[in-house]
Amino acid sequence: MSKQLKNWLREDVKRRIGNDRDVIVLRLDKFTVAGANDLRGSLRKQGARMTVLRNRVARKAFDELGIVGAGEMLKGMSAIAYGGKDGLPAVSRVVTEWTKKNKDSGLKVLGGSLDGQALTAPEIEALASLPGKQELLAMIASAVSAPMQTIASQVNEMIAGVARAVDAVREQKEKAA
């Protein structure tokens, strides 16, 4: 392969990755076109992508982009999954679920890179088990609203207590009169 073609491929990898420095590295042994299309469709629903790589070209592109640790994982037929609305946790969730459903597909998660740190395959699976952005926002909202609901009910109880006391005093004065 000519040097010019390798440079073009390296620039293409860098352009595709863009600002997404967080990637999951995949090994594609006995991976079919139908499997690739199915996985790409699942990733596309999350706004993510999968790109098959030429290892040596991708290693140089990763070094230039500052993607730590991912280049060393590239062996055999490799691809990366990246992007997405919710970032690497959502991508890892899609890839992990897909590999569990399609155990004999030939796809294997090798690891990845997140915020400049290399991740192993078990760490990617752990990342996939974390709740998504919407679930986290719901958890935060309920955690914030619970104390406010408690305070509101206590204030309401105090006001009701004052109203009962005033009503009791009124009834006493009516009986006395």
Protein backbone atom coordinates (compact mmCIF):
# COMPACT_ATOMS: atom_id res chain seq x y z
CA MET A 1 0.00 0.00 0.00
CA SER A 2 1.40 3.40 -0.93
CA LYS A 3 2.35 5.97 1.67
CA GLN A 4 -0.13 8.43 0.20
CA LEU A 5 -2.98 5.92 0.57
CA LYS A 6 -1.95 5.16 4.16
CA ASN A 7 -1.94 8.89 4.93
CA TRP A 8 -5.37 9.25 3.38
CA LEU A 9 -6.70 6.31 5.41
CA ARG A 10 -5.17 7.72 8.61
CA GLU A 11 -6.79 11.10 7.97
CA ASP A 12 -10.08 9.34 7.21
CA VAL A 13 -9.96 7.52 10.58
CA LYS A 14 -9.21 10.81 12.34
CA ARG A 15 -12.06 12.55 10.49
CA ARG A 16 -14.54 9.78 11.32
CA ILE A 17 -13.65 9.78 15.01
CA GLY A 18 -13.72 13.58 15.12
CA ASN A 19 -14.06 14.84 18.68
CA ASP A 20 -15.01 11.41 20.05
CA ARG A 21 -11.85 10.35 21.85
CA ASP A 22 -13.68 7.56 23.68
CA VAL A 23 -13.76 4.28 21.77
CA ILE A 24 -14.44 0.58 22.23
CA VAL A 25 -12.09 -1.78 20.38
CA LEU A 26 -13.70 -4.87 18.86
CA ARG A 27 -12.23 -8.02 17.29
CA LEU A 28 -14.17 -9.36 14.32
CA ASP A 29 -13.44 -13.07 13.97
CA LYS A 30 -15.89 -14.86 11.65
CA PHE A 31 -18.06 -11.73 11.68
CA THR A 32 -20.67 -11.70 8.91
CA VAL A 33 -21.98 -8.80 6.88
CA ALA A 34 -25.47 -9.43 8.29
CA GLY A 35 -24.05 -9.25 11.82
CA ALA A 36 -22.17 -6.05 11.01
CA ASN A 37 -25.30 -4.45 9.57
CA ASP A 38 -27.36 -5.49 12.60
CA LEU A 39 -24.79 -4.11 15.06
CA ARG A 40 -24.40 -0.90 13.06
CA GLY A 41 -28.19 -0.47 13.10
CA SER A 42 -28.27 -0.91 16.88
CA LEU A 43 -25.47 1.60 17.30
CA ARG A 44 -27.09 4.07 14.91
CA LYS A 45 -30.19 4.17 17.15
CA GLN A 46 -27.91 5.62 19.85
CA GLY A 47 -26.23 7.98 17.40
CA ALA A 48 -23.04 5.89 17.49
CA ARG A 49 -20.92 4.34 14.76
CA MET A 50 -18.72 1.34 14.08
CA THR A 51 -15.71 1.54 11.77
CA VAL A 52 -13.56 -1.37 10.58
CA LEU A 53 -9.87 -0.47 10.72
CA ARG A 54 -6.50 -1.22 9.22
CA ASN A 55 -4.54 -1.78 12.41
CA ARG A 56 -1.25 -0.08 11.60
CA VAL A 57 -2.98 2.97 10.12
CA ALA A 58 -5.38 3.17 13.07
CA ARG A 59 -2.53 2.97 15.61
CA LYS A 60 -0.91 6.04 14.07
CA ALA A 61 -4.25 7.87 13.97
CA PHE A 62 -4.92 6.99 17.63
CA ASP A 63 -1.47 8.26 18.61
CA GLU A 64 -2.10 11.53 16.80
CA LEU A 65 -5.53 11.91 18.42
CA GLY A 66 -4.26 11.03 21.89
CA ILE A 67 -6.44 7.93 22.26
CA VAL A 68 -4.48 6.05 24.90
CA GLY A 69 -4.22 2.26 25.01
CA ALA A 70 -6.55 1.46 22.13
CA GLY A 71 -3.79 1.06 19.56
CA GLU A 72 -2.16 -1.79 21.47
CA MET A 73 -5.43 -3.76 21.42
CA LEU A 74 -5.64 -3.82 17.63
CA LYS A 75 -4.81 -7.34 16.45
CA GLY A 76 -6.42 -9.31 13.66
CA MET A 77 -9.54 -7.92 12.05
CA SER A 78 -10.48 -4.96 14.23
CA ALA A 79 -13.13 -2.28 14.50
CA ILE A 80 -14.04 0.51 16.87
CA ALA A 81 -17.41 1.65 18.17
CA TYR A 82 -17.66 5.30 19.20
CA GLY A 83 -19.85 8.38 19.39
CA GLY A 84 -23.43 8.43 20.51
CA LYS A 85 -25.68 10.87 22.30
CA ASP A 86 -24.79 9.59 25.76
CA GLY A 87 -21.17 8.76 24.99
CA LEU A 88 -19.24 5.60 25.70
CA PRO A 89 -21.59 4.19 28.40
CA ALA A 90 -24.45 4.00 25.89
CA VAL A 91 -22.18 2.55 23.19
CA SER A 92 -20.82 -0.04 25.61
CA ARG A 93 -24.38 -0.97 26.61
CA VAL A 94 -25.38 -1.54 22.97
CA VAL A 95 -22.25 -3.55 22.14
CA THR A 96 -22.45 -5.65 25.32
CA GLU A 97 -26.16 -6.43 24.83
CA TRP A 98 -25.58 -7.26 21.17
CA THR A 99 -22.70 -9.63 21.93
CA LYS A 100 -24.78 -11.39 24.61
CA LYS A 101 -27.64 -11.92 22.15
CA ASN A 102 -25.29 -13.04 19.37
CA LYS A 103 -22.72 -15.17 21.22
CA ASP A 104 -21.60 -17.05 18.12
CA SER A 105 -21.29 -13.92 15.96
CA GLY A 106 -17.51 -13.73 16.20
CA LEU A 107 -17.53 -10.28 17.81
CA LYS A 108 -15.39 -9.82 20.90
CA VAL A 109 -14.88 -6.70 22.99
CA LEU A 110 -11.15 -6.22 23.59
CA GLY A 111 -11.27 -3.00 25.59
CA GLY A 112 -11.26 0.68 24.84
CA SER A 113 -10.28 4.16 25.87
CA LEU A 114 -12.22 6.61 28.03
CA ASP A 115 -11.03 10.10 28.98
CA GLY A 116 -7.45 9.25 28.05
CA GLN A 117 -7.32 5.99 30.02
CA ALA A 118 -7.19 2.49 28.60
CA LEU A 119 -10.06 0.18 29.58
CA THR A 120 -10.10 -3.61 29.62
CA ALA A 121 -13.01 -5.74 28.39
CA PRO A 122 -14.37 -6.31 31.94
CA GLU A 123 -14.25 -2.55 32.56
CA ILE A 124 -16.27 -1.98 29.37
CA GLU A 125 -18.86 -4.50 30.63
CA ALA A 126 -18.95 -2.71 34.00
CA LEU A 127 -19.43 0.59 32.19
CA ALA A 128 -22.34 -0.95 30.29
CA SER A 129 -24.04 -1.91 33.55
CA LEU A 130 -24.13 1.71 34.76
CA PRO A 131 -27.49 3.47 34.43
CA GLY A 132 -28.03 5.68 31.39
CA LYS A 133 -28.27 9.44 31.34
CA GLN A 134 -32.08 9.48 31.64
CA GLU A 135 -32.03 7.04 34.58
CA LEU A 136 -29.36 9.12 36.34
CA LEU A 137 -31.37 12.31 35.83
CA ALA A 138 -34.47 10.61 37.25
CA MET A 139 -32.47 9.39 40.25
CA ILE A 140 -31.11 12.89 40.87
CA ALA A 141 -34.56 14.44 40.51
CA SER A 142 -36.07 12.03 43.02
CA ALA A 143 -33.17 12.53 45.43
CA VAL A 144 -33.59 16.31 45.22
CA SER A 145 -37.39 16.25 45.44
CA ALA A 146 -37.63 13.82 48.41
CA PRO A 147 -36.32 16.29 51.04
CA MET A 148 -38.49 19.05 49.59
CA GLN A 149 -41.56 16.81 49.83
CA THR A 150 -40.68 16.02 53.46
CA ILE A 151 -40.26 19.71 54.30
CA ALA A 152 -43.51 20.58 52.54
CA SER A 153 -45.44 17.91 54.45
CA GLN A 154 -43.89 19.05 57.77
CA VAL A 155 -44.75 22.70 57.08
CA ASN A 156 -48.27 21.62 56.10
CA GLU A 157 -48.57 19.63 59.35
CA MET A 158 -47.40 22.64 61.41
CA ILE A 159 -49.99 24.89 59.73
CA ALA A 160 -52.68 22.25 60.29
CA GLY A 161 -51.61 22.01 63.95
CA VAL A 162 -51.92 25.78 64.38
CA ALA A 163 -55.35 25.68 62.70
CA ARG A 164 -56.48 22.88 65.05
CA ALA A 165 -55.22 24.82 68.08
CA VAL A 166 -57.07 27.99 66.96
CA ASP A 167 -60.20 25.93 66.33
CA ALA A 168 -59.92 24.37 69.82
CA VAL A 169 -59.54 27.82 71.41
CA ARG A 170 -62.56 29.06 69.44
CA GLU A 171 -64.64 26.08 70.61
CA GLN A 172 -63.57 26.70 74.24
CA LYS A 173 -64.58 30.36 74.03
CA GLU A 174 -67.94 29.40 72.46
CA LYS A 175 -68.62 26.93 75.30
CA ALA A 176 -67.58 29.49 77.92
CA ALA A 177 -69.84 32.14 76.46
